[in-house]
Amino acid sequence: MMRPSVAFSIDERFRKVSYAELRQVTNDFSPSNLIGQGSYGFVYRGMLDGNQPVAVKVLNLKRKGAFKSFLAECEALRNIRHRNLVNIITVCSSIDFTGAEFKALVYDLMQNGSLEQWLHLGVNQHDMPKLNLNQRLDIAIDVASAIEYLHHHCQTSIVHGDLKPSNVLLDHDMVAQVCDFGLARFLHGSTNLDVSQCQASSSNLKGTIGYVAPEYGLGGTSSLQGDVYSFGILLLEMFTGIRPTDVMFKDGWTLHEFVKTTQHKSLVQILEPSLLSMERIDNGQISDADMVRFEESIADIMRIGVLCSMKLPNERMDMMNALSELCAIKDKFLKRGM
């Protein structure tokens, strides 16, 4: 069956790039240049035009839903521009040297990898310094800014659909950029492409276990509130250092419930341990007044995470309020010199 063509004019908006060129800049898609792997393909490091570091996302078209994911990502990226959304350089839709269909997206390379690496793995498997509290708050604000833009400032509201640490990339200045729009959905459709149909066909679950909103598992459609839930879980993970898929979470016990329950005690006890040493909490080198202010700030951040990840969609905070409150917390940090 003939597949539909990509619904935008790449000739006018992007530089042309061939399969042969992408094969060359990635050294024949060498495993040594492999920097990521997702549900629908592989991401390779390359150097375009000899001096432009790029990430080349090659779709595995043998996977069911990969082609529709490609279309959804193309359609979303042609409509958005924001400092906290990954910048697409070009798209390649061609055939490879064997005559098989080939599709790839080319992005700016994010020099500092993914948030997932910084939180849990260490970039390039080396011992990397842990993110301090200010860095985590800045990244949270960056991600909130990106999702708030998609929800409230695009011509048609866009649901990202798969927000998680591995889909948050960090540039050379540690500015966060949200990537991977393979499950993106326009709330009211699109004149060029029905992305909602692509999204619904490409994944039964519509997201990633641990980050996907509870209502999605019950057959609910993608929504702004679903993104808010994912953001809330991501925010709690950033400051506790605990994945939502940790073995401790079972039988209805979740990261949300864990933090919500701890709100009545001392939230400092469940912080990522490195944060305590960075802020000199664990060795008593902080004044009582600063300790109170620190605990208040952590409580405010965790409260936002909990409110965003409420079980019922209509009880969740929206992204405009989440962003506003995170920025207010950041302002307090700056004024207190923390």
C-alpha atoms as a PDB file:
ATOM      1  CA  MET A   1       0.000   0.000   0.000  1.00  0.00           C
ATOM      2  CA  MET A   2       1.305   3.434  -0.952  1.00  0.00           C
ATOM      3  CA  ARG A   3       2.263   5.498   2.076  1.00  0.00           C
ATOM      4  CA  PRO A   4       1.288   9.182   2.226  1.00  0.00           C
ATOM      5  CA  SER A   5       3.999  11.733   1.603  1.00  0.00           C
ATOM      6  CA  VAL A   6       5.370  13.946   4.356  1.00  0.00           C
ATOM      7  CA  ALA A   7       3.025  16.884   4.539  1.00  0.00           C
ATOM      8  CA  PHE A   8       5.344  19.859   4.276  1.00  0.00           C
ATOM      9  CA  SER A   9       7.691  21.345   1.731  1.00  0.00           C
ATOM     10  CA  ILE A  10      11.146  20.369   2.877  1.00  0.00           C
ATOM     11  CA  ASP A  11      12.740  21.940  -0.199  1.00  0.00           C
ATOM     12  CA  GLU A  12      11.715  25.428   0.870  1.00  0.00           C
ATOM     13  CA  ARG A  13      12.342  25.252   4.585  1.00  0.00           C
ATOM     14  CA  PHE A  14      15.347  22.956   5.097  1.00  0.00           C
ATOM     15  CA  ARG A  15      18.641  22.108   3.469  1.00  0.00           C
ATOM     16  CA  LYS A  16      18.618  18.990   1.296  1.00  0.00           C
ATOM     17  CA  VAL A  17      20.395  15.922   2.594  1.00  0.00           C
ATOM     18  CA  SER A  18      20.672  12.479   1.024  1.00  0.00           C
ATOM     19  CA  TYR A  19      20.895   8.989   2.468  1.00  0.00           C
ATOM     20  CA  ALA A  20      24.477   8.777   1.179  1.00  0.00           C
ATOM     21  CA  GLU A  21      25.423  11.981   3.010  1.00  0.00           C
ATOM     22  CA  LEU A  22      23.897  10.844   6.296  1.00  0.00           C
ATOM     23  CA  ARG A  23      25.627   7.497   5.939  1.00  0.00           C
ATOM     24  CA  GLN A  24      28.933   9.299   5.452  1.00  0.00           C
ATOM     25  CA  VAL A  25      28.602  11.762   8.344  1.00  0.00           C
ATOM     26  CA  THR A  26      27.725   8.914  10.740  1.00  0.00           C
ATOM     27  CA  ASN A  27      30.558   6.680   9.465  1.00  0.00           C
ATOM     28  CA  ASP A  28      28.138   4.168   7.922  1.00  0.00           C
ATOM     29  CA  PHE A  29      25.857   4.435  10.957  1.00  0.00           C
ATOM     30  CA  SER A  30      28.662   3.026  13.048  1.00  0.00           C
ATOM     31  CA  PRO A  31      27.839   1.557  16.489  1.00  0.00           C
ATOM     32  CA  SER A  32      30.593   3.821  17.851  1.00  0.00           C
ATOM     33  CA  ASN A  33      28.452   6.802  16.835  1.00  0.00           C
ATOM     34  CA  LEU A  34      25.253   5.399  18.343  1.00  0.00           C
ATOM     35  CA  ILE A  35      24.078   7.736  21.100  1.00  0.00           C
ATOM     36  CA  GLY A  36      20.503   6.603  21.675  1.00  0.00           C
ATOM     37  CA  GLN A  37      17.804   4.090  20.910  1.00  0.00           C
ATOM     38  CA  GLY A  38      14.050   4.543  21.090  1.00  0.00           C
ATOM     39  CA  SER A  39      10.872   2.671  20.287  1.00  0.00           C
ATOM     40  CA  TYR A  40      11.059   3.436  16.584  1.00  0.00           C
ATOM     41  CA  GLY A  41      14.724   3.804  15.719  1.00  0.00           C
ATOM     42  CA  PHE A  42      18.312   4.721  16.511  1.00  0.00           C
ATOM     43  CA  VAL A  43      20.090   8.035  17.028  1.00  0.00           C
ATOM     44  CA  TYR A  44      23.631   8.587  15.732  1.00  0.00           C
ATOM     45  CA  ARG A  45      26.159  11.348  16.243  1.00  0.00           C
ATOM     46  CA  GLY A  46      27.498  12.988  13.091  1.00  0.00           C
ATOM     47  CA  MET A  47      29.224  16.087  11.690  1.00  0.00           C
ATOM     48  CA  LEU A  48      27.235  17.742   8.903  1.00  0.00           C
ATOM     49  CA  ASP A  49      29.094  19.960   6.423  1.00  0.00           C
ATOM     50  CA  GLY A  50      32.303  19.183   8.285  1.00  0.00           C
ATOM     51  CA  ASN A  51      31.599  21.489  11.217  1.00  0.00           C
ATOM     52  CA  GLN A  52      28.013  21.121  12.437  1.00  0.00           C
ATOM     53  CA  PRO A  53      27.490  18.479  15.163  1.00  0.00           C
ATOM     54  CA  VAL A  54      24.181  16.732  14.576  1.00  0.00           C
ATOM     55  CA  ALA A  55      22.048  13.911  15.898  1.00  0.00           C
ATOM     56  CA  VAL A  56      20.576  11.704  13.165  1.00  0.00           C
ATOM     57  CA  LYS A  57      17.439   9.800  14.152  1.00  0.00           C
ATOM     58  CA  VAL A  58      17.032   6.841  11.773  1.00  0.00           C
ATOM     59  CA  LEU A  59      13.580   5.251  11.801  1.00  0.00           C
ATOM     60  CA  ASN A  60      13.304   1.476  11.978  1.00  0.00           C
ATOM     61  CA  LEU A  61      10.477   1.171   9.479  1.00  0.00           C
ATOM     62  CA  LYS A  62      10.087  -2.528  10.263  1.00  0.00           C
ATOM     63  CA  ARG A  63       8.557  -1.551  13.596  1.00  0.00           C
ATOM     64  CA  LYS A  64       4.798  -1.152  13.523  1.00  0.00           C
ATOM     65  CA  GLY A  65       3.881   2.499  13.914  1.00  0.00           C
ATOM     66  CA  ALA A  66       7.342   3.843  13.008  1.00  0.00           C
ATOM     67  CA  PHE A  67       6.210   5.512   9.787  1.00  0.00           C
ATOM     68  CA  LYS A  68       3.250   7.187  11.464  1.00  0.00           C
ATOM     69  CA  SER A  69       5.517   8.283  14.286  1.00  0.00           C
ATOM     70  CA  PHE A  70       7.797   9.874  11.672  1.00  0.00           C
ATOM     71  CA  LEU A  71       4.862  11.767  10.156  1.00  0.00           C
ATOM     72  CA  ALA A  72       3.658  12.922  13.564  1.00  0.00           C
ATOM     73  CA  GLU A  73       7.115  14.221  14.474  1.00  0.00           C
ATOM     74  CA  CYS A  74       7.524  16.017  11.150  1.00  0.00           C
ATOM     75  CA  GLU A  75       4.142  17.695  11.461  1.00  0.00           C
ATOM     76  CA  ALA A  76       4.728  18.782  15.049  1.00  0.00           C
ATOM     77  CA  LEU A  77       8.216  20.150  14.396  1.00  0.00           C
ATOM     78  CA  ARG A  78       7.120  22.202  11.377  1.00  0.00           C
ATOM     79  CA  ASN A  79       4.733  24.127  13.622  1.00  0.00           C
ATOM     80  CA  ILE A  80       6.890  24.925  16.639  1.00  0.00           C
ATOM     81  CA  ARG A  81       9.866  27.112  17.552  1.00  0.00           C
ATOM     82  CA  HIS A  82      11.018  27.540  21.142  1.00  0.00           C
ATOM     83  CA  ARG A  83      14.386  27.702  22.911  1.00  0.00           C
ATOM     84  CA  ASN A  84      13.421  24.690  25.017  1.00  0.00           C
ATOM     85  CA  LEU A  85      12.334  22.474  22.117  1.00  0.00           C
ATOM     86  CA  VAL A  86      14.922  20.575  20.095  1.00  0.00           C
ATOM     87  CA  ASN A  87      15.757  22.257  16.785  1.00  0.00           C
ATOM     88  CA  ILE A  88      15.266  20.183  13.648  1.00  0.00           C
ATOM     89  CA  ILE A  89      17.784  20.850  10.863  1.00  0.00           C
ATOM     90  CA  THR A  90      16.347  18.704   8.109  1.00  0.00           C
ATOM     91  CA  VAL A  91      14.532  15.500   7.178  1.00  0.00           C
ATOM     92  CA  CYS A  92      15.593  12.744   4.819  1.00  0.00           C
ATOM     93  CA  SER A  93      12.957  10.640   3.058  1.00  0.00           C
ATOM     94  CA  SER A  94      14.680   8.403   0.530  1.00  0.00           C
ATOM     95  CA  ILE A  95      15.850   4.846  -0.170  1.00  0.00           C
ATOM     96  CA  ASP A  96      19.053   3.217   1.019  1.00  0.00           C
ATOM     97  CA  PHE A  97      21.678   1.405  -1.083  1.00  0.00           C
ATOM     98  CA  THR A  98      19.637  -1.805  -0.965  1.00  0.00           C
ATOM     99  CA  GLY A  99      16.536  -0.098  -2.321  1.00  0.00           C
ATOM    100  CA  ALA A 100      14.736  -0.164   1.033  1.00  0.00           C
ATOM    101  CA  GLU A 101      12.785   2.827   2.277  1.00  0.00           C
ATOM    102  CA  PHE A 102      14.830   5.175   4.481  1.00  0.00           C
ATOM    103  CA  LYS A 103      13.599   7.968   6.725  1.00  0.00           C
ATOM    104  CA  ALA A 104      15.573  10.068   9.174  1.00  0.00           C
ATOM    105  CA  LEU A 105      15.349  13.329  11.100  1.00  0.00           C
ATOM    106  CA  VAL A 106      18.414  15.483  11.719  1.00  0.00           C
ATOM    107  CA  TYR A 107      18.672  17.657  14.834  1.00  0.00           C
ATOM    108  CA  ASP A 108      21.201  19.875  16.522  1.00  0.00           C
ATOM    109  CA  LEU A 109      23.394  17.672  18.693  1.00  0.00           C
ATOM    110  CA  MET A 110      22.913  18.298  22.415  1.00  0.00           C
ATOM    111  CA  GLN A 111      26.429  18.185  23.830  1.00  0.00           C
ATOM    112  CA  ASN A 112      25.456  17.224  27.385  1.00  0.00           C
ATOM    113  CA  GLY A 113      23.249  14.256  26.603  1.00  0.00           C
ATOM    114  CA  SER A 114      19.937  13.534  28.258  1.00  0.00           C
ATOM    115  CA  LEU A 115      18.510  14.300  31.680  1.00  0.00           C
ATOM    116  CA  GLU A 116      18.174  10.527  32.124  1.00  0.00           C
ATOM    117  CA  GLN A 117      21.959  10.213  31.938  1.00  0.00           C
ATOM    118  CA  TRP A 118      22.562  12.998  34.439  1.00  0.00           C
ATOM    119  CA  LEU A 119      20.022  11.653  36.914  1.00  0.00           C
ATOM    120  CA  HIS A 120      20.840   7.958  36.753  1.00  0.00           C
ATOM    121  CA  LEU A 121      23.614   6.825  34.412  1.00  0.00           C
ATOM    122  CA  GLY A 122      26.392   9.373  34.154  1.00  0.00           C
ATOM    123  CA  VAL A 123      27.165  10.864  30.759  1.00  0.00           C
ATOM    124  CA  ASN A 124      29.261   8.525  28.594  1.00  0.00           C
ATOM    125  CA  GLN A 125      29.425   6.175  31.596  1.00  0.00           C
ATOM    126  CA  HIS A 126      31.997   8.441  33.262  1.00  0.00           C
ATOM    127  CA  ASP A 127      31.730   9.732  36.809  1.00  0.00           C
ATOM    128  CA  MET A 128      29.890  12.990  36.203  1.00  0.00           C
ATOM    129  CA  PRO A 129      29.161  15.612  38.836  1.00  0.00           C
ATOM    130  CA  LYS A 130      25.628  15.431  40.134  1.00  0.00           C
ATOM    131  CA  LEU A 131      23.196  18.197  39.277  1.00  0.00           C
ATOM    132  CA  ASN A 132      22.834  20.692  42.090  1.00  0.00           C
ATOM    133  CA  LEU A 133      19.519  22.083  43.261  1.00  0.00           C
ATOM    134  CA  ASN A 134      19.711  25.246  41.152  1.00  0.00           C
ATOM    135  CA  GLN A 135      20.523  23.246  38.014  1.00  0.00           C
ATOM    136  CA  ARG A 136      17.589  20.913  38.623  1.00  0.00           C
ATOM    137  CA  LEU A 137      15.260  23.837  39.165  1.00  0.00           C
ATOM    138  CA  ASP A 138      16.494  25.534  35.982  1.00  0.00           C
ATOM    139  CA  ILE A 139      15.944  22.326  33.999  1.00  0.00           C
ATOM    140  CA  ALA A 140      12.461  21.921  35.490  1.00  0.00           C
ATOM    141  CA  ILE A 141      11.622  25.487  34.439  1.00  0.00           C
ATOM    142  CA  ASP A 142      12.996  24.848  30.934  1.00  0.00           C
ATOM    143  CA  VAL A 143      10.838  21.730  30.525  1.00  0.00           C
ATOM    144  CA  ALA A 144       7.786  23.471  31.963  1.00  0.00           C
ATOM    145  CA  SER A 145       8.364  26.385  29.548  1.00  0.00           C
ATOM    146  CA  ALA A 146       8.454  23.996  26.583  1.00  0.00           C
ATOM    147  CA  ILE A 147       5.270  22.154  27.552  1.00  0.00           C
ATOM    148  CA  GLU A 148       3.475  25.386  28.477  1.00  0.00           C
ATOM    149  CA  TYR A 149       4.341  26.718  25.020  1.00  0.00           C
ATOM    150  CA  LEU A 150       3.000  23.593  23.307  1.00  0.00           C
ATOM    151  CA  HIS A 151      -0.210  23.690  25.332  1.00  0.00           C
ATOM    152  CA  HIS A 152      -1.019  27.398  25.364  1.00  0.00           C
ATOM    153  CA  HIS A 153       0.950  29.351  22.767  1.00  0.00           C
ATOM    154  CA  CYS A 154       0.789  27.341  19.550  1.00  0.00           C
ATOM    155  CA  GLN A 155      -1.841  28.042  16.916  1.00  0.00           C
ATOM    156  CA  THR A 156      -3.270  24.628  17.790  1.00  0.00           C
ATOM    157  CA  SER A 157      -2.519  23.110  21.196  1.00  0.00           C
ATOM    158  CA  ILE A 158      -0.064  20.216  20.967  1.00  0.00           C
ATOM    159  CA  VAL A 159       0.142  17.255  23.349  1.00  0.00           C
ATOM    160  CA  HIS A 160       3.719  15.952  23.525  1.00  0.00           C
ATOM    161  CA  GLY A 161       2.614  12.496  24.641  1.00  0.00           C
ATOM    162  CA  ASP A 162       5.888  11.023  25.929  1.00  0.00           C
ATOM    163  CA  LEU A 163       7.546  13.352  28.426  1.00  0.00           C
ATOM    164  CA  LYS A 164      10.309  11.595  30.414  1.00  0.00           C
ATOM    165  CA  PRO A 165      13.981  12.211  31.335  1.00  0.00           C
ATOM    166  CA  SER A 166      15.376  10.505  28.218  1.00  0.00           C
ATOM    167  CA  ASN A 167      13.351  12.936  26.078  1.00  0.00           C
ATOM    168  CA  VAL A 168      14.897  15.969  27.780  1.00  0.00           C
ATOM    169  CA  LEU A 169      18.263  16.888  26.252  1.00  0.00           C
ATOM    170  CA  LEU A 170      20.861  19.333  27.582  1.00  0.00           C
ATOM    171  CA  ASP A 171      22.943  21.659  25.409  1.00  0.00           C
ATOM    172  CA  HIS A 172      26.475  22.927  26.110  1.00  0.00           C
ATOM    173  CA  ASP A 173      25.084  25.519  28.555  1.00  0.00           C
ATOM    174  CA  MET A 174      22.907  22.909  30.317  1.00  0.00           C
ATOM    175  CA  VAL A 175      19.768  24.468  28.851  1.00  0.00           C
ATOM    176  CA  ALA A 176      17.100  21.777  28.556  1.00  0.00           C
ATOM    177  CA  GLN A 177      15.340  21.013  25.276  1.00  0.00           C
ATOM    178  CA  VAL A 178      12.406  18.620  24.961  1.00  0.00           C
ATOM    179  CA  CYS A 179      12.663  16.153  22.066  1.00  0.00           C
ATOM    180  CA  ASP A 180      10.879  13.181  20.434  1.00  0.00           C
ATOM    181  CA  PHE A 181       7.493  14.163  19.048  1.00  0.00           C
ATOM    182  CA  GLY A 182       6.689  10.722  17.682  1.00  0.00           C
ATOM    183  CA  LEU A 183       3.550  10.556  19.829  1.00  0.00           C
ATOM    184  CA  ALA A 184       2.606  14.227  19.437  1.00  0.00           C
ATOM    185  CA  ARG A 185      -1.036  15.053  18.896  1.00  0.00           C
ATOM    186  CA  PHE A 186      -2.794  18.220  17.761  1.00  0.00           C
ATOM    187  CA  LEU A 187      -5.823  18.638  19.976  1.00  0.00           C
ATOM    188  CA  HIS A 188      -8.067  19.819  17.159  1.00  0.00           C
ATOM    189  CA  GLY A 189      -6.384  18.061  14.219  1.00  0.00           C
ATOM    190  CA  SER A 190      -4.329  19.662  11.456  1.00  0.00           C
ATOM    191  CA  THR A 191      -5.075  20.900   7.977  1.00  0.00           C
ATOM    192  CA  ASN A 192      -2.126  18.932   6.606  1.00  0.00           C
ATOM    193  CA  LEU A 193      -2.049  15.714   8.608  1.00  0.00           C
ATOM    194  CA  ASP A 194      -4.261  14.029  11.146  1.00  0.00           C
ATOM    195  CA  VAL A 195      -1.566  13.558  13.756  1.00  0.00           C
ATOM    196  CA  SER A 196      -4.058  12.247  16.294  1.00  0.00           C
ATOM    197  CA  GLN A 197      -4.707   9.268  14.043  1.00  0.00           C
ATOM    198  CA  CYS A 198      -0.975   8.644  13.693  1.00  0.00           C
ATOM    199  CA  GLN A 199      -0.578   8.811  17.454  1.00  0.00           C
ATOM    200  CA  ALA A 200      -3.435   6.481  18.187  1.00  0.00           C
ATOM    201  CA  SER A 201      -2.196   3.922  15.685  1.00  0.00           C
ATOM    202  CA  SER A 202       1.454   3.973  16.710  1.00  0.00           C
ATOM    203  CA  SER A 203       1.042   2.967  20.327  1.00  0.00           C
ATOM    204  CA  ASN A 204      -1.670   1.269  22.308  1.00  0.00           C
ATOM    205  CA  LEU A 205      -0.370   2.743  25.558  1.00  0.00           C
ATOM    206  CA  LYS A 206       0.316   6.262  24.221  1.00  0.00           C
ATOM    207  CA  GLY A 207       3.398   6.828  26.361  1.00  0.00           C
ATOM    208  CA  THR A 208       5.968   5.247  28.663  1.00  0.00           C
ATOM    209  CA  ILE A 209       5.209   3.135  31.727  1.00  0.00           C
ATOM    210  CA  GLY A 210       5.748   5.154  34.885  1.00  0.00           C
ATOM    211  CA  TYR A 211       5.146   8.489  33.171  1.00  0.00           C
ATOM    212  CA  VAL A 212       1.914   7.801  31.304  1.00  0.00           C
ATOM    213  CA  ALA A 213      -1.243   9.210  32.896  1.00  0.00           C
ATOM    214  CA  PRO A 214      -3.502   6.640  34.624  1.00  0.00           C
ATOM    215  CA  GLU A 215      -6.474   7.479  32.409  1.00  0.00           C
ATOM    216  CA  TYR A 216      -4.521   6.486  29.298  1.00  0.00           C
ATOM    217  CA  GLY A 217      -4.409   2.926  30.568  1.00  0.00           C
ATOM    218  CA  LEU A 218      -8.192   2.988  30.749  1.00  0.00           C
ATOM    219  CA  GLY A 219      -8.540   4.011  27.107  1.00  0.00           C
ATOM    220  CA  GLY A 220      -8.514   7.764  27.613  1.00  0.00           C
ATOM    221  CA  THR A 221      -7.319   9.922  24.720  1.00  0.00           C
ATOM    222  CA  SER A 222      -4.143  12.016  24.822  1.00  0.00           C
ATOM    223  CA  SER A 223      -4.702  15.326  26.573  1.00  0.00           C
ATOM    224  CA  LEU A 224      -2.973  18.374  28.010  1.00  0.00           C
ATOM    225  CA  GLN A 225      -3.643  16.922  31.470  1.00  0.00           C
ATOM    226  CA  GLY A 226      -1.797  13.758  30.425  1.00  0.00           C
ATOM    227  CA  ASP A 227       1.329  15.805  29.695  1.00  0.00           C
ATOM    228  CA  VAL A 228       0.912  17.569  33.040  1.00  0.00           C
ATOM    229  CA  TYR A 229       0.885  14.202  34.807  1.00  0.00           C
ATOM    230  CA  SER A 230       4.115  13.164  33.060  1.00  0.00           C
ATOM    231  CA  PHE A 231       5.713  16.487  34.002  1.00  0.00           C
ATOM    232  CA  GLY A 232       4.713  16.031  37.632  1.00  0.00           C
ATOM    233  CA  ILE A 233       6.307  12.585  37.786  1.00  0.00           C
ATOM    234  CA  LEU A 234       9.433  13.888  36.051  1.00  0.00           C
ATOM    235  CA  LEU A 235       9.667  16.742  38.575  1.00  0.00           C
ATOM    236  CA  LEU A 236       9.391  14.359  41.542  1.00  0.00           C
ATOM    237  CA  GLU A 237      12.011  12.072  39.993  1.00  0.00           C
ATOM    238  CA  MET A 238      14.405  14.980  39.455  1.00  0.00           C
ATOM    239  CA  PHE A 239      14.476  15.886  43.132  1.00  0.00           C
ATOM    240  CA  THR A 240      14.158  12.456  44.760  1.00  0.00           C
ATOM    241  CA  GLY A 241      16.416  10.635  42.302  1.00  0.00           C
ATOM    242  CA  ILE A 242      13.904   7.772  42.303  1.00  0.00           C
ATOM    243  CA  ARG A 243      12.485   6.388  39.071  1.00  0.00           C
ATOM    244  CA  PRO A 244       8.698   5.920  38.930  1.00  0.00           C
ATOM    245  CA  THR A 245       9.394   2.321  37.864  1.00  0.00           C
ATOM    246  CA  ASP A 246      11.500   1.526  40.946  1.00  0.00           C
ATOM    247  CA  VAL A 247      10.840  -1.917  42.437  1.00  0.00           C
ATOM    248  CA  MET A 248       9.462  -0.255  45.572  1.00  0.00           C
ATOM    249  CA  PHE A 249       6.408   0.874  43.613  1.00  0.00           C
ATOM    250  CA  LYS A 250       3.787  -1.849  43.340  1.00  0.00           C
ATOM    251  CA  ASP A 251       0.214  -2.644  44.359  1.00  0.00           C
ATOM    252  CA  GLY A 252      -0.912   0.942  43.779  1.00  0.00           C
ATOM    253  CA  TRP A 253       2.071   2.473  45.604  1.00  0.00           C
ATOM    254  CA  THR A 254       3.551   5.108  43.278  1.00  0.00           C
ATOM    255  CA  LEU A 255       6.182   7.853  43.291  1.00  0.00           C
ATOM    256  CA  HIS A 256       3.303  10.321  43.604  1.00  0.00           C
ATOM    257  CA  GLU A 257       1.932   8.549  46.694  1.00  0.00           C
ATOM    258  CA  PHE A 258       5.410   8.192  48.182  1.00  0.00           C
ATOM    259  CA  VAL A 259       6.089  11.944  48.011  1.00  0.00           C
ATOM    260  CA  LYS A 260       2.527  12.890  48.954  1.00  0.00           C
ATOM    261  CA  THR A 261       2.748  10.772  52.109  1.00  0.00           C
ATOM    262  CA  THR A 262       6.140  12.227  53.027  1.00  0.00           C
ATOM    263  CA  GLN A 263       4.766  15.776  52.775  1.00  0.00           C
ATOM    264  CA  HIS A 264       3.476  15.327  56.322  1.00  0.00           C
ATOM    265  CA  LYS A 265       7.002  14.522  57.534  1.00  0.00           C
ATOM    266  CA  SER A 266      10.355  15.900  56.390  1.00  0.00           C
ATOM    267  CA  LEU A 267      10.708  15.988  52.617  1.00  0.00           C
ATOM    268  CA  VAL A 268      14.448  16.490  53.031  1.00  0.00           C
ATOM    269  CA  GLN A 269      14.636  12.804  53.983  1.00  0.00           C
ATOM    270  CA  ILE A 270      13.635  11.688  50.471  1.00  0.00           C
ATOM    271  CA  LEU A 271      15.783  14.100  48.495  1.00  0.00           C
ATOM    272  CA  GLU A 272      18.467  12.827  46.128  1.00  0.00           C
ATOM    273  CA  PRO A 273      21.346  12.341  48.661  1.00  0.00           C
ATOM    274  CA  SER A 274      23.822  14.387  46.609  1.00  0.00           C
ATOM    275  CA  LEU A 275      21.602  17.453  47.017  1.00  0.00           C
ATOM    276  CA  LEU A 276      21.994  17.300  50.767  1.00  0.00           C
ATOM    277  CA  SER A 277      25.797  17.293  50.586  1.00  0.00           C
ATOM    278  CA  MET A 278      25.853  20.057  47.969  1.00  0.00           C
ATOM    279  CA  GLU A 279      23.683  22.275  50.149  1.00  0.00           C
ATOM    280  CA  ARG A 280      25.692  21.262  53.259  1.00  0.00           C
ATOM    281  CA  ILE A 281      22.558  19.815  54.852  1.00  0.00           C
ATOM    282  CA  ASP A 282      24.102  16.479  55.804  1.00  0.00           C
ATOM    283  CA  ASN A 283      26.980  17.872  57.882  1.00  0.00           C
ATOM    284  CA  GLY A 284      25.276  20.729  59.699  1.00  0.00           C
ATOM    285  CA  GLN A 285      27.105  23.526  57.851  1.00  0.00           C
ATOM    286  CA  ILE A 286      23.930  25.490  57.210  1.00  0.00           C
ATOM    287  CA  SER A 287      22.227  27.963  59.545  1.00  0.00           C
ATOM    288  CA  ASP A 288      18.850  27.214  61.072  1.00  0.00           C
ATOM    289  CA  ALA A 289      17.280  30.060  59.071  1.00  0.00           C
ATOM    290  CA  ASP A 290      18.743  28.799  55.803  1.00  0.00           C
ATOM    291  CA  MET A 291      17.602  25.289  56.673  1.00  0.00           C
ATOM    292  CA  VAL A 292      14.028  26.494  57.123  1.00  0.00           C
ATOM    293  CA  ARG A 293      14.142  28.344  53.795  1.00  0.00           C
ATOM    294  CA  PHE A 294      15.636  25.294  52.090  1.00  0.00           C
ATOM    295  CA  GLU A 295      12.898  23.029  53.448  1.00  0.00           C
ATOM    296  CA  GLU A 296      10.207  25.518  52.388  1.00  0.00           C
ATOM    297  CA  SER A 297      11.576  25.629  48.836  1.00  0.00           C
ATOM    298  CA  ILE A 298      11.763  21.842  48.594  1.00  0.00           C
ATOM    299  CA  ALA A 299       8.211  21.576  49.933  1.00  0.00           C
ATOM    300  CA  ASP A 300       7.017  24.046  47.285  1.00  0.00           C
ATOM    301  CA  ILE A 301       8.717  22.099  44.477  1.00  0.00           C
ATOM    302  CA  MET A 302       7.375  18.750  45.675  1.00  0.00           C
ATOM    303  CA  ARG A 303       3.887  20.227  46.089  1.00  0.00           C
ATOM    304  CA  ILE A 304       3.912  21.244  42.413  1.00  0.00           C
ATOM    305  CA  GLY A 305       5.028  17.735  41.436  1.00  0.00           C
ATOM    306  CA  VAL A 306       2.268  16.173  43.500  1.00  0.00           C
ATOM    307  CA  LEU A 307      -0.432  18.532  42.191  1.00  0.00           C
ATOM    308  CA  CYS A 308       0.625  17.905  38.595  1.00  0.00           C
ATOM    309  CA  SER A 309       0.523  14.113  39.060  1.00  0.00           C
ATOM    310  CA  MET A 310      -2.861  13.772  40.743  1.00  0.00           C
ATOM    311  CA  LYS A 311      -4.753  10.660  39.701  1.00  0.00           C
ATOM    312  CA  LEU A 312      -7.791  12.553  38.382  1.00  0.00           C
ATOM    313  CA  PRO A 313      -7.085  14.842  35.402  1.00  0.00           C
ATOM    314  CA  ASN A 314      -9.343  17.657  36.618  1.00  0.00           C
ATOM    315  CA  GLU A 315      -7.426  17.845  39.904  1.00  0.00           C
ATOM    316  CA  ARG A 316      -4.086  18.525  38.230  1.00  0.00           C
ATOM    317  CA  MET A 317      -2.419  21.910  38.046  1.00  0.00           C
ATOM    318  CA  ASP A 318      -2.123  23.281  34.510  1.00  0.00           C
ATOM    319  CA  MET A 319       1.263  24.066  32.962  1.00  0.00           C
ATOM    320  CA  MET A 320       0.807  27.841  33.106  1.00  0.00           C
ATOM    321  CA  ASN A 321       0.460  27.717  36.887  1.00  0.00           C
ATOM    322  CA  ALA A 322       3.194  25.105  37.278  1.00  0.00           C
ATOM    323  CA  LEU A 323       5.635  27.264  35.309  1.00  0.00           C
ATOM    324  CA  SER A 324       4.647  30.418  37.180  1.00  0.00           C
ATOM    325  CA  GLU A 325       5.142  28.790  40.575  1.00  0.00           C
ATOM    326  CA  LEU A 326       8.495  27.238  39.640  1.00  0.00           C
ATOM    327  CA  CYS A 327       9.720  30.650  38.450  1.00  0.00           C
ATOM    328  CA  ALA A 328       8.570  32.175  41.758  1.00  0.00           C
ATOM    329  CA  ILE A 329      10.584  29.543  43.656  1.00  0.00           C
ATOM    330  CA  LYS A 330      13.621  30.371  41.509  1.00  0.00           C
ATOM    331  CA  ASP A 331      13.213  34.085  42.274  1.00  0.00           C
ATOM    332  CA  LYS A 332      13.198  33.322  46.006  1.00  0.00           C
ATOM    333  CA  PHE A 333      16.394  31.322  45.590  1.00  0.00           C
ATOM    334  CA  LEU A 334      18.088  34.241  43.856  1.00  0.00           C
ATOM    335  CA  LYS A 335      16.971  36.766  46.462  1.00  0.00           C
ATOM    336  CA  ARG A 336      18.205  34.562  49.304  1.00  0.00           C
ATOM    337  CA  GLY A 337      21.498  33.833  47.573  1.00  0.00           C
ATOM    338  CA  MET A 338      20.959  30.086  47.814  1.00  0.00           C
END
